[in-house]
Amino acid sequence: MGLYDVNLLGVFLAAIASIIIGAFWYSPMGFGKAWMKLSGMTEKDMKKGKQKGMAKSYFIQFIGSLVIAYVLAIFVSSLSIQGAMQTGFWIWFGFIAATSLGVVLWEGKSWGLYLINAVYNLVSIEVMSLILVSI
């Protein structure tokens, strides 16, 4: 598959799904309170962030999600659902989970914070993979 032979609607929908998952994952209904505590963030910090405006941050995150979805599509688009899910897992395991260890080893962050972030990325990539092979 060439770099330009991807379903752009699938890429767009996968990126939207990633943003929705992240919005829930890091909300108080998901792991937001634990993430805040483990990140050293306070309610005051969160309010300051909201006052500054979140639109720019969400836009930049969406661009990042589009990039991930596009590259992921290159790998999974021609696979079965099972193959896409396996490929998504190995991409996560080999690139995201492994490289994210640096936040624990070198930045002094907790394993709990690592797990919240790493599992979010796993869920996001798996859902994106499913969307990309289903559309």
N, C-alpha and C. Protein backbone atom coordinates (compact mmCIF):
# COMPACT_ATOMS: atom_id res chain seq x y z
N MET A 1 0.84 -1.19 0.00
CA MET A 1 0.00 0.00 0.00
C MET A 1 0.88 1.24 0.00
N GLY A 2 0.58 2.18 -0.86
CA GLY A 2 1.35 3.41 -0.95
C GLY A 2 0.95 4.39 0.13
N LEU A 3 1.74 5.43 0.25
CA LEU A 3 1.48 6.42 1.28
C LEU A 3 0.16 7.16 1.09
N TYR A 4 -0.35 7.19 -0.12
CA TYR A 4 -1.56 7.97 -0.39
C TYR A 4 -2.78 7.09 -0.62
N ASP A 5 -2.65 5.80 -0.47
CA ASP A 5 -3.76 4.87 -0.70
C ASP A 5 -4.50 4.54 0.58
N VAL A 6 -4.88 5.53 1.33
CA VAL A 6 -5.62 5.28 2.56
C VAL A 6 -6.99 5.92 2.47
N ASN A 7 -7.91 5.38 3.22
CA ASN A 7 -9.26 5.90 3.29
C ASN A 7 -9.25 7.13 4.21
N LEU A 8 -9.34 8.30 3.64
CA LEU A 8 -9.25 9.53 4.44
C LEU A 8 -10.44 9.70 5.37
N LEU A 9 -11.61 9.21 4.98
CA LEU A 9 -12.76 9.25 5.90
C LEU A 9 -12.46 8.40 7.13
N GLY A 10 -11.90 7.21 6.91
CA GLY A 10 -11.52 6.35 8.03
C GLY A 10 -10.50 7.02 8.93
N VAL A 11 -9.52 7.68 8.32
CA VAL A 11 -8.49 8.40 9.09
C VAL A 11 -9.15 9.49 9.94
N PHE A 12 -10.04 10.26 9.35
CA PHE A 12 -10.72 11.33 10.07
C PHE A 12 -11.55 10.77 11.22
N LEU A 13 -12.33 9.72 10.95
CA LEU A 13 -13.17 9.12 12.00
C LEU A 13 -12.34 8.48 13.10
N ALA A 14 -11.22 7.87 12.74
CA ALA A 14 -10.34 7.28 13.76
C ALA A 14 -9.74 8.37 14.65
N ALA A 15 -9.37 9.50 14.06
CA ALA A 15 -8.82 10.61 14.84
C ALA A 15 -9.88 11.18 15.79
N ILE A 16 -11.10 11.32 15.29
CA ILE A 16 -12.21 11.79 16.15
C ILE A 16 -12.41 10.83 17.31
N ALA A 17 -12.40 9.52 17.01
CA ALA A 17 -12.59 8.51 18.06
C ALA A 17 -11.51 8.62 19.12
N SER A 18 -10.27 8.84 18.70
CA SER A 18 -9.17 8.98 19.65
C SER A 18 -9.39 10.17 20.58
N ILE A 19 -9.87 11.28 20.03
CA ILE A 19 -10.13 12.47 20.85
C ILE A 19 -11.27 12.20 21.84
N ILE A 20 -12.31 11.52 21.38
CA ILE A 20 -13.44 11.21 22.26
C ILE A 20 -13.01 10.28 23.38
N ILE A 21 -12.23 9.26 23.04
CA ILE A 21 -11.73 8.34 24.07
C ILE A 21 -10.89 9.10 25.09
N GLY A 22 -10.00 9.96 24.60
CA GLY A 22 -9.16 10.75 25.50
C GLY A 22 -9.96 11.68 26.39
N ALA A 23 -11.00 12.30 25.82
CA ALA A 23 -11.84 13.21 26.61
C ALA A 23 -12.51 12.46 27.75
N PHE A 24 -12.96 11.24 27.48
CA PHE A 24 -13.56 10.43 28.55
C PHE A 24 -12.48 9.92 29.50
N TRP A 25 -11.40 9.37 28.96
CA TRP A 25 -10.36 8.72 29.75
C TRP A 25 -9.80 9.66 30.82
N TYR A 26 -9.58 10.92 30.42
CA TYR A 26 -8.97 11.89 31.33
C TYR A 26 -10.00 12.78 32.03
N SER A 27 -11.28 12.42 31.93
CA SER A 27 -12.33 13.16 32.62
C SER A 27 -12.51 12.60 34.03
N PRO A 28 -13.25 13.31 34.88
CA PRO A 28 -13.53 12.78 36.22
C PRO A 28 -14.30 11.45 36.19
N MET A 29 -15.05 11.19 35.10
CA MET A 29 -15.76 9.91 34.99
C MET A 29 -14.81 8.76 34.65
N GLY A 30 -13.67 9.10 34.06
CA GLY A 30 -12.67 8.10 33.71
C GLY A 30 -11.56 8.11 34.75
N PHE A 31 -10.34 8.36 34.30
CA PHE A 31 -9.19 8.34 35.19
C PHE A 31 -8.66 9.74 35.48
N GLY A 32 -9.48 10.76 35.22
CA GLY A 32 -9.04 12.14 35.38
C GLY A 32 -8.55 12.50 36.77
N LYS A 33 -9.26 12.06 37.78
CA LYS A 33 -8.85 12.41 39.15
C LYS A 33 -7.53 11.75 39.50
N ALA A 34 -7.39 10.47 39.15
CA ALA A 34 -6.13 9.77 39.43
C ALA A 34 -5.00 10.38 38.60
N TRP A 35 -5.28 10.70 37.34
CA TRP A 35 -4.27 11.30 36.47
C TRP A 35 -3.81 12.64 37.04
N MET A 36 -4.76 13.47 37.51
CA MET A 36 -4.41 14.76 38.10
C MET A 36 -3.50 14.57 39.31
N LYS A 37 -3.89 13.67 40.18
CA LYS A 37 -3.12 13.44 41.40
C LYS A 37 -1.71 12.95 41.06
N LEU A 38 -1.62 11.97 40.17
CA LEU A 38 -0.32 11.39 39.81
C LEU A 38 0.54 12.36 39.01
N SER A 39 -0.10 13.30 38.32
CA SER A 39 0.63 14.31 37.54
C SER A 39 1.04 15.51 38.39
N GLY A 40 0.51 15.58 39.61
CA GLY A 40 0.80 16.72 40.46
C GLY A 40 -0.02 17.94 40.10
N MET A 41 -1.14 17.71 39.42
CA MET A 41 -2.02 18.81 39.02
C MET A 41 -3.08 19.02 40.10
N THR A 42 -3.52 20.25 40.22
CA THR A 42 -4.59 20.57 41.17
C THR A 42 -5.81 21.08 40.39
N GLU A 43 -6.91 21.18 41.09
CA GLU A 43 -8.12 21.76 40.48
C GLU A 43 -7.83 23.18 40.00
N LYS A 44 -7.03 23.90 40.77
CA LYS A 44 -6.68 25.28 40.41
C LYS A 44 -5.89 25.29 39.09
N ASP A 45 -4.97 24.35 38.93
CA ASP A 45 -4.21 24.25 37.68
C ASP A 45 -5.15 23.97 36.50
N MET A 46 -6.11 23.09 36.72
CA MET A 46 -7.05 22.73 35.66
C MET A 46 -7.93 23.92 35.29
N LYS A 47 -8.36 24.67 36.29
CA LYS A 47 -9.19 25.85 36.01
C LYS A 47 -8.39 26.90 35.24
N LYS A 48 -7.11 27.08 35.59
CA LYS A 48 -6.27 28.02 34.86
C LYS A 48 -6.12 27.58 33.39
N GLY A 49 -5.96 26.29 33.18
CA GLY A 49 -5.85 25.77 31.83
C GLY A 49 -7.12 26.00 31.03
N LYS A 50 -8.26 25.81 31.67
CA LYS A 50 -9.55 26.02 30.99
C LYS A 50 -9.76 27.50 30.69
N GLN A 51 -9.33 28.37 31.60
CA GLN A 51 -9.48 29.81 31.38
C GLN A 51 -8.61 30.28 30.22
N LYS A 52 -7.45 29.67 30.06
CA LYS A 52 -6.57 30.03 28.95
C LYS A 52 -7.18 29.59 27.62
N GLY A 53 -8.04 28.63 27.69
CA GLY A 53 -8.68 28.12 26.48
C GLY A 53 -8.09 26.77 26.08
N MET A 54 -8.97 25.83 25.85
CA MET A 54 -8.53 24.49 25.52
C MET A 54 -8.60 24.23 24.01
N ALA A 55 -9.18 25.15 23.27
CA ALA A 55 -9.39 24.92 21.84
C ALA A 55 -8.07 24.67 21.11
N LYS A 56 -7.06 25.45 21.40
CA LYS A 56 -5.77 25.29 20.73
C LYS A 56 -5.16 23.93 21.06
N SER A 57 -5.24 23.54 22.32
CA SER A 57 -4.69 22.24 22.73
C SER A 57 -5.43 21.09 22.06
N TYR A 58 -6.75 21.18 22.03
CA TYR A 58 -7.53 20.12 21.36
C TYR A 58 -7.23 20.08 19.87
N PHE A 59 -7.06 21.24 19.25
CA PHE A 59 -6.74 21.28 17.83
C PHE A 59 -5.40 20.61 17.55
N ILE A 60 -4.40 20.94 18.34
CA ILE A 60 -3.07 20.35 18.15
C ILE A 60 -3.13 18.85 18.41
N GLN A 61 -3.86 18.44 19.45
CA GLN A 61 -4.01 17.00 19.74
C GLN A 61 -4.73 16.30 18.59
N PHE A 62 -5.72 16.97 17.99
CA PHE A 62 -6.44 16.38 16.86
C PHE A 62 -5.50 16.19 15.67
N ILE A 63 -4.65 17.15 15.41
CA ILE A 63 -3.67 17.02 14.32
C ILE A 63 -2.77 15.82 14.61
N GLY A 64 -2.32 15.69 15.84
CA GLY A 64 -1.51 14.52 16.22
C GLY A 64 -2.26 13.22 16.01
N SER A 65 -3.54 13.21 16.36
CA SER A 65 -4.37 12.02 16.17
C SER A 65 -4.56 11.70 14.69
N LEU A 66 -4.68 12.74 13.86
CA LEU A 66 -4.76 12.52 12.41
C LEU A 66 -3.49 11.87 11.88
N VAL A 67 -2.35 12.33 12.35
CA VAL A 67 -1.08 11.75 11.92
C VAL A 67 -1.00 10.28 12.33
N ILE A 68 -1.34 9.99 13.57
CA ILE A 68 -1.32 8.61 14.05
C ILE A 68 -2.27 7.76 13.21
N ALA A 69 -3.48 8.24 12.99
CA ALA A 69 -4.48 7.48 12.23
C ALA A 69 -4.00 7.24 10.80
N TYR A 70 -3.40 8.24 10.18
CA TYR A 70 -2.92 8.10 8.81
C TYR A 70 -1.82 7.04 8.72
N VAL A 71 -0.84 7.14 9.60
CA VAL A 71 0.26 6.17 9.59
C VAL A 71 -0.25 4.78 9.95
N LEU A 72 -1.14 4.71 10.92
CA LEU A 72 -1.73 3.43 11.29
C LEU A 72 -2.48 2.82 10.11
N ALA A 73 -3.17 3.65 9.35
CA ALA A 73 -3.91 3.17 8.18
C ALA A 73 -2.97 2.53 7.16
N ILE A 74 -1.78 3.07 7.02
CA ILE A 74 -0.81 2.50 6.09
C ILE A 74 -0.49 1.05 6.49
N PHE A 75 -0.44 0.80 7.78
CA PHE A 75 -0.10 -0.53 8.27
C PHE A 75 -1.28 -1.50 8.28
N VAL A 76 -2.49 -1.01 8.58
CA VAL A 76 -3.59 -1.95 8.85
C VAL A 76 -4.68 -2.01 7.79
N SER A 77 -4.73 -1.07 6.88
CA SER A 77 -5.87 -0.99 5.96
C SER A 77 -6.13 -2.25 5.16
N SER A 78 -5.11 -2.98 4.79
CA SER A 78 -5.31 -4.17 3.96
C SER A 78 -5.43 -5.44 4.79
N LEU A 79 -5.53 -5.32 6.10
CA LEU A 79 -5.59 -6.49 6.97
C LEU A 79 -7.02 -6.83 7.37
N SER A 80 -7.21 -8.02 7.90
CA SER A 80 -8.48 -8.41 8.51
C SER A 80 -8.60 -7.67 9.84
N ILE A 81 -9.77 -7.74 10.44
CA ILE A 81 -9.96 -7.11 11.76
C ILE A 81 -8.97 -7.68 12.76
N GLN A 82 -8.84 -9.01 12.78
CA GLN A 82 -7.91 -9.64 13.72
C GLN A 82 -6.47 -9.19 13.45
N GLY A 83 -6.08 -9.17 12.19
CA GLY A 83 -4.73 -8.73 11.84
C GLY A 83 -4.48 -7.28 12.22
N ALA A 84 -5.49 -6.42 12.01
CA ALA A 84 -5.35 -5.01 12.35
C ALA A 84 -5.23 -4.83 13.86
N MET A 85 -6.00 -5.59 14.61
CA MET A 85 -5.93 -5.48 16.07
C MET A 85 -4.57 -5.96 16.58
N GLN A 86 -4.07 -7.05 16.01
CA GLN A 86 -2.75 -7.54 16.40
C GLN A 86 -1.66 -6.53 16.03
N THR A 87 -1.75 -5.98 14.84
CA THR A 87 -0.76 -4.99 14.41
C THR A 87 -0.82 -3.76 15.30
N GLY A 88 -2.04 -3.29 15.62
CA GLY A 88 -2.19 -2.16 16.53
C GLY A 88 -1.55 -2.43 17.88
N PHE A 89 -1.77 -3.65 18.39
CA PHE A 89 -1.17 -4.00 19.67
C PHE A 89 0.36 -3.95 19.58
N TRP A 90 0.95 -4.55 18.57
CA TRP A 90 2.40 -4.60 18.46
C TRP A 90 3.00 -3.23 18.23
N ILE A 91 2.30 -2.39 17.49
CA ILE A 91 2.77 -1.00 17.32
C ILE A 91 2.77 -0.30 18.68
N TRP A 92 1.69 -0.48 19.43
CA TRP A 92 1.62 0.11 20.76
C TRP A 92 2.72 -0.44 21.66
N PHE A 93 2.84 -1.75 21.71
CA PHE A 93 3.80 -2.39 22.60
C PHE A 93 5.24 -2.00 22.27
N GLY A 94 5.57 -2.05 20.99
CA GLY A 94 6.95 -1.83 20.58
C GLY A 94 7.37 -0.38 20.51
N PHE A 95 6.43 0.51 20.27
CA PHE A 95 6.80 1.91 20.10
C PHE A 95 6.29 2.80 21.23
N ILE A 96 5.04 2.67 21.60
CA ILE A 96 4.47 3.58 22.60
C ILE A 96 4.78 3.12 24.02
N ALA A 97 4.43 1.87 24.34
CA ALA A 97 4.65 1.38 25.70
C ALA A 97 6.14 1.40 26.05
N ALA A 98 6.96 0.98 25.11
CA ALA A 98 8.40 0.91 25.38
C ALA A 98 9.02 2.30 25.52
N THR A 99 8.71 3.21 24.61
CA THR A 99 9.33 4.54 24.69
C THR A 99 8.77 5.37 25.84
N SER A 100 7.55 5.08 26.24
CA SER A 100 6.94 5.83 27.35
C SER A 100 7.54 5.49 28.70
N LEU A 101 8.33 4.43 28.77
CA LEU A 101 8.98 4.07 30.03
C LEU A 101 9.88 5.19 30.54
N GLY A 102 10.34 6.03 29.63
CA GLY A 102 11.22 7.14 30.02
C GLY A 102 10.60 8.07 31.04
N VAL A 103 9.27 8.21 31.03
CA VAL A 103 8.65 9.11 32.02
C VAL A 103 8.81 8.56 33.43
N VAL A 104 8.89 7.24 33.57
CA VAL A 104 9.12 6.64 34.89
C VAL A 104 10.61 6.64 35.20
N LEU A 105 11.40 6.20 34.24
CA LEU A 105 12.83 6.01 34.48
C LEU A 105 13.61 7.31 34.61
N TRP A 106 13.27 8.32 33.79
CA TRP A 106 14.09 9.52 33.73
C TRP A 106 13.40 10.77 34.25
N GLU A 107 12.06 10.77 34.23
CA GLU A 107 11.34 11.96 34.69
C GLU A 107 10.78 11.78 36.10
N GLY A 108 10.92 10.58 36.65
CA GLY A 108 10.49 10.34 38.02
C GLY A 108 8.98 10.23 38.20
N LYS A 109 8.24 10.02 37.12
CA LYS A 109 6.79 9.87 37.23
C LYS A 109 6.48 8.47 37.74
N SER A 110 5.28 8.30 38.26
CA SER A 110 4.90 7.03 38.86
C SER A 110 4.48 6.00 37.82
N TRP A 111 4.55 4.74 38.24
CA TRP A 111 4.07 3.66 37.38
C TRP A 111 2.57 3.79 37.14
N GLY A 112 1.85 4.32 38.12
CA GLY A 112 0.41 4.52 37.95
C GLY A 112 0.10 5.49 36.82
N LEU A 113 0.85 6.59 36.76
CA LEU A 113 0.67 7.55 35.68
C LEU A 113 1.04 6.92 34.34
N TYR A 114 2.12 6.18 34.33
CA TYR A 114 2.52 5.45 33.12
C TYR A 114 1.39 4.55 32.65
N LEU A 115 0.79 3.80 33.56
CA LEU A 115 -0.28 2.87 33.18
C LEU A 115 -1.51 3.59 32.65
N ILE A 116 -1.91 4.68 33.29
CA ILE A 116 -3.06 5.45 32.81
C ILE A 116 -2.82 5.91 31.37
N ASN A 117 -1.67 6.49 31.12
CA ASN A 117 -1.36 7.00 29.79
C ASN A 117 -1.15 5.88 28.77
N ALA A 118 -0.41 4.85 29.17
CA ALA A 118 -0.11 3.76 28.23
C ALA A 118 -1.36 2.99 27.84
N VAL A 119 -2.22 2.72 28.80
CA VAL A 119 -3.44 1.96 28.47
C VAL A 119 -4.39 2.82 27.64
N TYR A 120 -4.43 4.13 27.90
CA TYR A 120 -5.21 5.02 27.02
C TYR A 120 -4.73 4.87 25.58
N ASN A 121 -3.41 4.92 25.39
CA ASN A 121 -2.86 4.79 24.04
C ASN A 121 -3.18 3.44 23.42
N LEU A 122 -3.15 2.38 24.20
CA LEU A 122 -3.52 1.06 23.69
C LEU A 122 -4.97 1.03 23.24
N VAL A 123 -5.86 1.50 24.07
CA VAL A 123 -7.29 1.51 23.73
C VAL A 123 -7.51 2.37 22.49
N SER A 124 -6.89 3.53 22.45
CA SER A 124 -7.05 4.44 21.33
C SER A 124 -6.57 3.80 20.03
N ILE A 125 -5.40 3.19 20.04
CA ILE A 125 -4.86 2.58 18.83
C ILE A 125 -5.70 1.38 18.39
N GLU A 126 -6.19 0.62 19.33
CA GLU A 126 -7.02 -0.54 18.98
C GLU A 126 -8.34 -0.09 18.34
N VAL A 127 -8.96 0.93 18.92
CA VAL A 127 -10.21 1.45 18.35
C VAL A 127 -9.94 2.07 16.98
N MET A 128 -8.86 2.81 16.87
CA MET A 128 -8.51 3.39 15.57
C MET A 128 -8.27 2.30 14.54
N SER A 129 -7.57 1.24 14.91
CA SER A 129 -7.32 0.12 13.99
C SER A 129 -8.64 -0.50 13.54
N LEU A 130 -9.55 -0.70 14.47
CA LEU A 130 -10.85 -1.28 14.14
C LEU A 130 -11.61 -0.40 13.17
N ILE A 131 -11.61 0.88 13.41
CA ILE A 131 -12.29 1.81 12.51
C ILE A 131 -11.66 1.79 11.12
N LEU A 132 -10.35 1.81 11.08
CA LEU A 132 -9.64 1.89 9.80
C LEU A 132 -9.87 0.66 8.91
N VAL A 133 -10.08 -0.49 9.51
CA VAL A 133 -10.33 -1.69 8.69
C VAL A 133 -11.82 -1.92 8.45
N SER A 134 -12.66 -1.19 9.16
CA SER A 134 -14.11 -1.38 9.02
C SER A 134 -14.73 -0.40 8.05
N ILE A 135 -14.06 0.68 7.74
CA ILE A 135 -14.64 1.73 6.88
C ILE A 135 -14.15 1.56 5.46
